Amino acid sequence: MRGSELTAAAAAARERLPSSGAMATRVSARLVAGIVGSAPQGTTTGSLLDRALRLPWHTLVAFIVFAFALQKAVDAEIARGYPMAWVALAAIPVAAFLLRRPLLLGLVMAAAGVYLRALYLGSAETCDQLAVSRAALGVATTGGTPYGIGYLESTPPGSPFPYGPLAMITSVLGVPGEVVAAAGIMLILAFSRAVLTLAVLAAWIPAIEFGICGLNDQLPAFLLLAGLLLIERRERIPGALLVALSAGIKPYTFAWFPGLIGFGGVATAVVLAAVTFVAWLPVLLWGPASFLSSIDLARATHPTPENTLNQPHLRILALPLTLLALLARSWTMAVLSGALIFLVVLFLDYWASVGYWFVVAPIVGIVGERSLVRFGAVLRAARRAQPVSAGLVPA
């Protein structure tokens, strides 16, 4: 079969597939019909539904989660020797008055999250990803090959450098760079009105401490998130550039490439390929075998399964998911297919970093919360349009 015939066949297959938006609309319509139909106007259940629909449930739940998590985080930081953490508690009464202002609510949450992270600046790194990346940079700048060797700077000693070449460069930003990236993620979540996701990432103590301990996941997560949202706005070239730069730091970002190529087309594919080639060119010079050796050494460094389902044989499922992702017809499908490939490859393996969750959570949270907000709007509109049942009209 010729290339043109393959392209035509792929296009035909995409046209036969229902779009994610159409499927979501059908499911939402059925749910709305069921809810509205079970509580007719003028009945007791109808009155209860009307009262419930007047509450800002999205922001209310986010506020409750944020307030609870923030108190726990402040207690934890005070116990660790940061007494000024109590200042962050001022965000709770301020946020309570902003339940109908999701943007301002999100900005207050983000400010509290940044403040709690900033208190840790200057503390010793307790995770080794940035330390190993800086050590690898030292090897590379002296003419050596940074891959395929163990580093004494790691915990335990002997861990390799298994990241993209750009991770060596970004490592010089250190923990402050990761905190700035985390602030960028939280601001994006605030402006996206994804306040529930933001509440967790801003105030949950594991999210705070893993973001300042020396892991190098916040910067690639920020680049990925910003790039995906630019692509949604049809800014495909700069968006693809940011996503490819993220992959140059941590290779797990490659999980989103198939869906973005399917959705964005040739221009997106060209940018992703070109930037990736440049970012990973040093690996060709040092030898791909040395990079693969680092992957093997990383497995040997973590012999005990941790933070995963430990079913590595099931990672083959990523292959059909990748093929299906190439047929993505919408931005949402491209994003969710990438997230699914990411989860299958990393969390079916025998070991994964907790920091990986903070890469996939922001973008999935934005998609999920948008769906919840749209569902609420449709439900309210259907309720307003529902006629009062016969015999229930007030005299």
Protein backbone atom coordinates (compact mmCIF):
# COMPACT_ATOMS: atom_id res chain seq x y z
CA MET A 1 0.00 0.00 0.00
CA ARG A 2 1.33 3.42 -0.93
CA GLY A 3 1.92 6.22 1.55
CA SER A 4 -0.97 8.24 0.12
CA GLU A 5 -3.30 5.28 0.52
CA LEU A 6 -2.20 4.79 4.13
CA THR A 7 -2.86 8.47 4.83
CA ALA A 8 -6.30 8.25 3.23
CA ALA A 9 -7.11 5.11 5.23
CA ALA A 10 -6.06 6.77 8.47
CA ALA A 11 -8.17 9.81 7.67
CA ALA A 12 -11.17 7.61 6.90
CA ALA A 13 -10.71 5.76 10.17
CA ARG A 14 -10.61 9.02 12.07
CA GLU A 15 -13.84 10.18 10.43
CA ARG A 16 -15.64 6.97 11.47
CA LEU A 17 -14.63 7.37 15.10
CA PRO A 18 -17.02 9.43 17.26
CA SER A 19 -15.36 12.49 18.70
CA SER A 20 -14.72 12.71 22.44
CA GLY A 21 -16.88 15.82 22.53
CA ALA A 22 -19.83 14.04 20.93
CA MET A 23 -19.54 11.10 23.32
CA ALA A 24 -19.29 13.40 26.33
CA THR A 25 -22.33 15.38 25.15
CA ARG A 26 -24.45 12.22 24.84
CA VAL A 27 -23.47 10.98 28.30
CA SER A 28 -24.03 14.42 29.83
CA ALA A 29 -27.47 14.73 28.21
CA ARG A 30 -28.58 11.40 29.65
CA LEU A 31 -27.37 12.30 33.13
CA VAL A 32 -29.04 15.71 33.00
CA ALA A 33 -32.31 14.20 31.80
CA GLY A 34 -32.22 11.65 34.61
CA ILE A 35 -31.50 14.23 37.32
CA VAL A 36 -33.99 16.82 36.11
CA GLY A 37 -36.66 14.21 35.42
CA SER A 38 -36.42 12.79 38.95
CA ALA A 39 -37.07 16.18 40.56
CA PRO A 40 -39.99 17.94 38.82
CA GLN A 41 -40.62 21.63 39.35
CA GLY A 42 -42.97 22.36 42.23
CA THR A 43 -42.14 19.21 44.21
CA THR A 44 -40.13 18.83 47.40
CA THR A 45 -37.30 17.11 45.56
CA GLY A 46 -37.46 19.81 42.94
CA SER A 47 -37.05 22.52 45.58
CA LEU A 48 -34.07 20.68 47.08
CA LEU A 49 -32.49 20.40 43.63
CA ASP A 50 -33.03 24.12 42.98
CA ARG A 51 -31.32 25.00 46.25
CA ALA A 52 -28.45 22.66 45.53
CA LEU A 53 -27.92 24.15 42.07
CA ARG A 54 -27.59 27.63 43.56
CA LEU A 55 -24.50 26.59 45.52
CA PRO A 56 -21.03 27.01 43.94
CA TRP A 57 -20.19 23.34 44.46
CA HIS A 58 -17.00 23.35 42.41
CA THR A 59 -15.30 26.12 44.36
CA LEU A 60 -16.88 25.05 47.67
CA VAL A 61 -15.39 21.57 47.49
CA ALA A 62 -12.06 23.03 46.37
CA PHE A 63 -12.10 25.43 49.33
CA ILE A 64 -12.79 22.63 51.81
CA VAL A 65 -9.97 20.51 50.39
CA PHE A 66 -7.62 23.50 50.38
CA ALA A 67 -8.43 24.57 53.95
CA PHE A 68 -7.98 21.06 55.32
CA ALA A 69 -4.75 20.40 53.41
CA LEU A 70 -3.33 23.83 54.23
CA GLN A 71 -3.79 23.36 57.97
CA LYS A 72 -2.05 19.98 57.79
CA ALA A 73 0.78 21.45 55.70
CA VAL A 74 1.31 24.36 58.10
CA ASP A 75 1.41 21.98 61.08
CA ALA A 76 3.95 19.80 59.25
CA GLU A 77 6.19 22.72 58.30
CA ILE A 78 6.13 24.17 61.82
CA ALA A 79 7.11 20.75 63.16
CA ARG A 80 10.02 20.70 60.68
CA GLY A 81 11.35 24.00 61.99
CA TYR A 82 9.58 26.62 59.85
CA PRO A 83 7.51 28.60 62.39
CA MET A 84 6.54 31.31 59.88
CA ALA A 85 4.44 28.78 57.99
CA TRP A 86 1.44 29.96 60.05
CA VAL A 87 1.24 33.06 57.84
CA ALA A 88 -0.17 30.87 55.05
CA LEU A 89 -3.29 30.27 57.17
CA ALA A 90 -4.41 33.80 56.27
CA ALA A 91 -5.36 32.36 52.88
CA ILE A 92 -8.26 30.43 54.41
CA PRO A 93 -10.51 33.34 55.48
CA VAL A 94 -9.62 35.26 52.32
CA ALA A 95 -10.52 32.26 50.15
CA ALA A 96 -13.82 31.83 52.01
CA PHE A 97 -15.06 35.14 50.57
CA LEU A 98 -14.09 34.19 47.00
CA LEU A 99 -16.19 31.10 46.36
CA ARG A 100 -17.98 32.83 43.48
CA ARG A 101 -14.73 34.26 42.10
CA PRO A 102 -12.80 31.16 40.97
CA LEU A 103 -9.92 33.09 39.42
CA LEU A 104 -9.26 35.11 42.57
CA LEU A 105 -9.76 31.99 44.69
CA GLY A 106 -7.16 30.20 42.59
CA LEU A 107 -4.69 33.06 42.90
CA VAL A 108 -5.01 33.00 46.70
CA MET A 109 -4.40 29.25 46.72
CA ALA A 110 -1.40 29.63 44.43
CA ALA A 111 0.08 32.38 46.63
CA ALA A 112 -0.20 30.17 49.70
CA GLY A 113 1.37 27.25 47.85
CA VAL A 114 4.30 29.32 46.62
CA TYR A 115 4.85 30.77 50.09
CA LEU A 116 4.98 27.33 51.74
CA ARG A 117 7.53 26.17 49.16
CA ALA A 118 9.62 29.32 49.43
CA LEU A 119 10.16 28.65 53.14
CA TYR A 120 12.24 25.60 52.19
CA LEU A 121 14.62 27.51 49.91
CA GLY A 122 18.15 27.16 51.21
CA SER A 123 17.46 23.78 52.80
CA ALA A 124 19.56 20.76 51.84
CA GLU A 125 18.29 18.61 48.97
CA THR A 126 17.02 15.26 50.16
CA CYS A 127 16.27 13.81 46.71
CA ASP A 128 19.02 13.15 44.18
CA GLN A 129 17.69 13.94 40.71
CA LEU A 130 19.05 17.48 40.52
CA ALA A 131 22.31 16.44 42.20
CA VAL A 132 22.88 13.60 39.73
CA SER A 133 22.03 15.90 36.82
CA ARG A 134 24.60 18.46 37.99
CA ALA A 135 27.18 15.73 38.39
CA ALA A 136 26.43 14.53 34.86
CA LEU A 137 26.88 18.08 33.60
CA GLY A 138 30.31 18.14 35.21
CA VAL A 139 31.26 14.93 33.41
CA ALA A 140 29.97 16.22 30.08
CA THR A 141 31.76 19.58 30.32
CA THR A 142 35.06 17.82 30.95
CA GLY A 143 34.71 15.75 27.79
CA GLY A 144 33.27 12.59 29.32
CA THR A 145 30.10 10.65 28.57
CA PRO A 146 27.49 11.30 31.29
CA TYR A 147 25.50 8.17 30.52
CA GLY A 148 26.22 4.59 31.51
CA ILE A 149 27.98 5.37 34.80
CA GLY A 150 26.94 5.60 38.45
CA TYR A 151 27.26 8.77 40.51
CA LEU A 152 28.31 9.04 44.14
CA GLU A 153 26.04 12.09 44.49
CA SER A 154 22.96 9.87 44.25
CA THR A 155 20.97 8.21 47.01
CA PRO A 156 21.91 5.39 47.20
CA PRO A 157 25.34 6.00 45.63
CA GLY A 158 25.74 4.59 42.15
CA SER A 159 22.56 5.79 40.49
CA PRO A 160 22.98 6.80 36.82
CA PHE A 161 21.82 9.82 34.87
CA PRO A 162 18.79 8.48 32.91
CA TYR A 163 17.27 11.77 31.76
CA GLY A 164 17.38 13.86 28.61
CA PRO A 165 20.45 15.99 27.84
CA LEU A 166 18.59 19.20 28.67
CA ALA A 167 18.21 17.99 32.27
CA MET A 168 21.92 18.66 32.75
CA ILE A 169 21.48 22.29 31.74
CA THR A 170 18.29 22.94 33.72
CA SER A 171 19.80 21.35 36.82
CA VAL A 172 21.85 24.50 37.42
CA LEU A 173 18.57 26.26 38.29
CA GLY A 174 18.35 24.00 41.30
CA VAL A 175 15.42 23.94 43.70
CA PRO A 176 14.63 27.65 43.10
CA GLY A 177 14.03 26.82 39.45
CA GLU A 178 11.68 24.00 40.45
CA VAL A 179 9.78 26.32 42.80
CA VAL A 180 9.37 28.92 40.04
CA ALA A 181 8.11 26.17 37.71
CA ALA A 182 5.67 25.00 40.38
CA ALA A 183 4.46 28.59 40.73
CA GLY A 184 3.93 28.68 36.96
CA ILE A 185 1.87 25.48 37.10
CA MET A 186 -0.28 26.85 39.91
CA LEU A 187 -0.88 30.11 38.07
CA ILE A 188 -1.94 28.21 34.95
CA LEU A 189 -4.35 26.16 37.07
CA ALA A 190 -5.71 29.34 38.62
CA PHE A 191 -6.32 31.03 35.26
CA SER A 192 -7.83 27.76 33.99
CA ARG A 193 -10.21 27.79 36.98
CA ALA A 194 -9.06 24.27 37.88
CA VAL A 195 -9.33 25.14 41.56
CA LEU A 196 -9.83 21.61 42.88
CA THR A 197 -6.63 20.36 41.27
CA LEU A 198 -4.92 23.54 42.43
CA ALA A 199 -6.11 23.04 46.01
CA VAL A 200 -4.36 19.67 46.14
CA LEU A 201 -1.13 20.71 44.43
CA ALA A 202 -0.84 23.98 46.35
CA ALA A 203 -1.46 22.75 49.88
CA TRP A 204 -1.01 18.97 50.07
CA ILE A 205 2.20 18.45 52.02
CA PRO A 206 3.59 15.63 49.79
CA ALA A 207 3.16 17.90 46.75
CA ILE A 208 4.99 20.68 48.57
CA GLU A 209 7.88 18.60 49.87
CA PHE A 210 8.45 16.54 46.72
CA GLY A 211 8.57 19.84 44.83
CA ILE A 212 11.45 21.22 46.92
CA CYS A 213 13.47 18.11 47.80
CA GLY A 214 15.61 18.02 44.67
CA LEU A 215 13.36 16.22 42.17
CA ASN A 216 13.48 17.59 38.63
CA ASP A 217 9.87 17.07 37.54
CA GLN A 218 8.31 20.51 38.03
CA LEU A 219 10.08 22.26 35.15
CA PRO A 220 9.25 19.62 32.49
CA ALA A 221 5.72 19.46 33.91
CA PHE A 222 5.36 23.24 33.48
CA LEU A 223 6.69 23.13 29.91
CA LEU A 224 4.35 20.26 29.08
CA LEU A 225 1.31 21.98 30.58
CA ALA A 226 2.03 25.33 28.92
CA GLY A 227 2.74 23.66 25.58
CA LEU A 228 -0.47 21.61 25.61
CA LEU A 229 -2.58 24.66 26.39
CA LEU A 230 -0.89 26.66 23.62
CA ILE A 231 -1.68 23.88 21.16
CA GLU A 232 -5.30 23.99 22.28
CA ARG A 233 -5.34 27.68 21.35
CA ARG A 234 -4.06 26.75 17.88
CA GLU A 235 -0.59 28.08 18.73
CA ARG A 236 0.79 24.77 17.52
CA ILE A 237 4.37 25.73 16.74
CA PRO A 238 5.26 27.37 20.08
CA GLY A 239 3.18 24.75 21.89
CA ALA A 240 4.98 21.85 20.22
CA LEU A 241 8.29 23.58 20.92
CA LEU A 242 7.59 23.63 24.67
CA VAL A 243 6.40 20.02 24.73
CA ALA A 244 9.53 18.87 22.88
CA LEU A 245 11.74 20.85 25.29
CA SER A 246 10.00 19.07 28.14
CA ALA A 247 10.85 15.74 26.49
CA GLY A 248 14.45 16.90 26.25
CA ILE A 249 14.51 17.05 30.05
CA LYS A 250 12.45 13.98 30.96
CA PRO A 251 11.63 11.40 28.28
CA TYR A 252 8.25 10.57 29.78
CA THR A 253 6.84 13.55 27.86
CA PHE A 254 7.12 11.47 24.68
CA ALA A 255 3.84 9.87 25.81
CA TRP A 256 1.96 12.92 24.48
CA PHE A 257 3.64 12.99 21.07
CA PRO A 258 1.32 10.53 19.24
CA GLY A 259 -1.88 12.29 20.28
CA LEU A 260 -0.48 15.71 19.45
CA ILE A 261 0.65 14.51 16.04
CA GLY A 262 -2.81 13.09 15.39
CA PHE A 263 -4.53 16.29 16.47
CA GLY A 264 -2.03 18.88 15.28
CA GLY A 265 -1.04 17.39 11.95
CA VAL A 266 2.11 17.89 9.93
CA ALA A 267 3.21 21.23 11.43
CA THR A 268 3.07 19.87 14.97
CA ALA A 269 4.87 16.69 13.95
CA VAL A 270 7.67 18.60 12.23
CA VAL A 271 8.29 20.87 15.23
CA LEU A 272 8.23 17.97 17.67
CA ALA A 273 10.64 15.99 15.51
CA ALA A 274 13.03 18.87 14.84
CA VAL A 275 13.29 20.10 18.43
CA THR A 276 13.60 16.55 19.74
CA PHE A 277 16.42 15.82 17.30
CA VAL A 278 18.36 18.88 18.43
CA ALA A 279 17.68 18.27 22.13
CA TRP A 280 18.75 14.63 21.97
CA LEU A 281 21.60 15.07 19.47
CA PRO A 282 24.27 14.74 22.20
CA VAL A 283 23.03 11.21 22.88
CA LEU A 284 23.88 10.30 19.28
CA LEU A 285 27.37 11.70 19.82
CA TRP A 286 27.87 9.87 23.12
CA GLY A 287 26.26 6.71 21.75
CA PRO A 288 22.67 5.55 22.26
CA ALA A 289 24.03 2.43 23.97
CA SER A 290 25.33 4.56 26.83
CA PHE A 291 21.84 5.99 27.41
CA LEU A 292 20.30 2.50 27.39
CA SER A 293 22.99 1.46 29.85
CA SER A 294 21.82 4.24 32.17
CA ILE A 295 18.28 2.86 31.97
CA ASP A 296 19.55 -0.60 32.95
CA LEU A 297 21.59 0.86 35.81
CA ALA A 298 18.52 2.75 37.05
CA ARG A 299 16.63 -0.52 37.24
CA ALA A 300 19.46 -2.10 39.22
CA THR A 301 19.56 0.87 41.60
CA HIS A 302 15.89 0.37 42.53
CA PRO A 303 15.57 -3.41 42.96
CA THR A 304 12.45 -3.17 45.16
CA PRO A 305 9.07 -2.36 43.55
CA GLU A 306 7.76 1.01 44.69
CA ASN A 307 4.86 3.34 43.82
CA THR A 308 3.63 1.15 40.96
CA LEU A 309 1.45 -1.86 40.17
CA ASN A 310 4.62 -3.80 39.29
CA GLN A 311 3.23 -5.43 36.15
CA PRO A 312 5.92 -4.54 33.59
CA HIS A 313 4.73 -7.17 31.11
CA LEU A 314 1.51 -5.18 30.69
CA ARG A 315 3.41 -2.13 29.42
CA ILE A 316 2.96 -3.61 25.94
CA LEU A 317 -0.51 -2.06 26.16
CA ALA A 318 1.15 1.26 25.39
CA LEU A 319 1.66 0.13 21.78
CA PRO A 320 -2.02 -0.10 20.74
CA LEU A 321 -2.72 3.03 22.77
CA THR A 322 -0.04 4.85 20.79
CA LEU A 323 -1.58 3.75 17.50
CA LEU A 324 -5.02 4.88 18.62
CA ALA A 325 -3.60 8.21 19.82
CA LEU A 326 -2.44 8.94 16.29
CA LEU A 327 -6.14 9.03 15.35
CA ALA A 328 -6.97 11.72 17.92
CA ARG A 329 -9.55 14.12 16.53
CA SER A 330 -9.70 16.55 19.44
CA TRP A 331 -7.33 18.28 21.82
CA THR A 332 -8.97 16.57 24.78
CA MET A 333 -8.45 13.14 23.25
CA ALA A 334 -4.83 13.97 22.46
CA VAL A 335 -4.23 15.04 26.06
CA LEU A 336 -6.00 12.10 27.67
CA SER A 337 -4.38 9.54 25.36
CA GLY A 338 -0.98 10.93 26.31
CA ALA A 339 -1.86 10.75 30.00
CA LEU A 340 -2.98 7.14 29.60
CA ILE A 341 0.21 6.13 27.78
CA PHE A 342 2.20 7.93 30.50
CA LEU A 343 0.42 5.97 33.25
CA VAL A 344 0.70 2.63 31.47
CA VAL A 345 4.43 2.96 30.76
CA LEU A 346 5.46 4.34 34.14
CA PHE A 347 3.04 2.95 36.70
CA LEU A 348 2.87 -0.58 35.37
CA ASP A 349 6.64 -0.78 35.68
CA TYR A 350 8.30 -2.06 38.85
CA TRP A 351 9.42 1.36 40.14
CA ALA A 352 8.32 4.96 39.69
CA SER A 353 8.91 8.28 41.39
CA VAL A 354 6.04 9.86 43.30
CA GLY A 355 6.95 13.05 41.45
CA TYR A 356 5.57 11.56 38.23
CA TRP A 357 2.02 12.07 39.53
CA PHE A 358 2.62 15.81 39.71
CA VAL A 359 3.39 15.82 35.97
CA VAL A 360 0.15 14.26 34.79
CA ALA A 361 -2.20 15.66 37.46
CA PRO A 362 -2.36 19.32 36.29
CA ILE A 363 -3.44 18.70 32.71
CA VAL A 364 -5.83 15.87 33.58
CA GLY A 365 -7.24 18.06 36.33
CA ILE A 366 -7.90 20.90 33.90
CA VAL A 367 -9.72 18.57 31.49
CA GLY A 368 -11.72 16.95 34.27
CA GLU A 369 -12.75 20.18 35.98
CA ARG A 370 -13.78 21.76 32.69
CA SER A 371 -16.11 18.81 32.16
CA LEU A 372 -17.60 19.21 35.64
CA VAL A 373 -18.18 22.94 35.14
CA ARG A 374 -19.80 22.35 31.73
CA PHE A 375 -22.02 19.64 33.21
CA GLY A 376 -23.16 22.01 35.95
CA ALA A 377 -23.97 24.72 33.41
CA VAL A 378 -25.97 22.28 31.26
CA LEU A 379 -27.83 20.99 34.32
CA ARG A 380 -28.78 24.51 35.42
CA ALA A 381 -29.91 25.44 31.91
CA ALA A 382 -32.04 22.30 31.65
CA ARG A 383 -33.54 23.02 35.04
CA ARG A 384 -34.51 26.56 34.02
CA ALA A 385 -36.09 25.23 30.83
CA GLN A 386 -38.11 22.53 32.60
CA PRO A 387 -41.84 23.36 32.73
CA VAL A 388 -43.75 23.10 36.00
CA SER A 389 -45.58 19.76 36.15
CA ALA A 390 -49.32 19.82 35.61
CA GLY A 391 -51.24 20.12 38.87
CA LEU A 392 -48.23 21.58 40.66
CA VAL A 393 -48.63 25.17 39.51
CA PRO A 394 -49.14 27.40 42.55
CA ALA A 395 -52.61 28.91 42.84
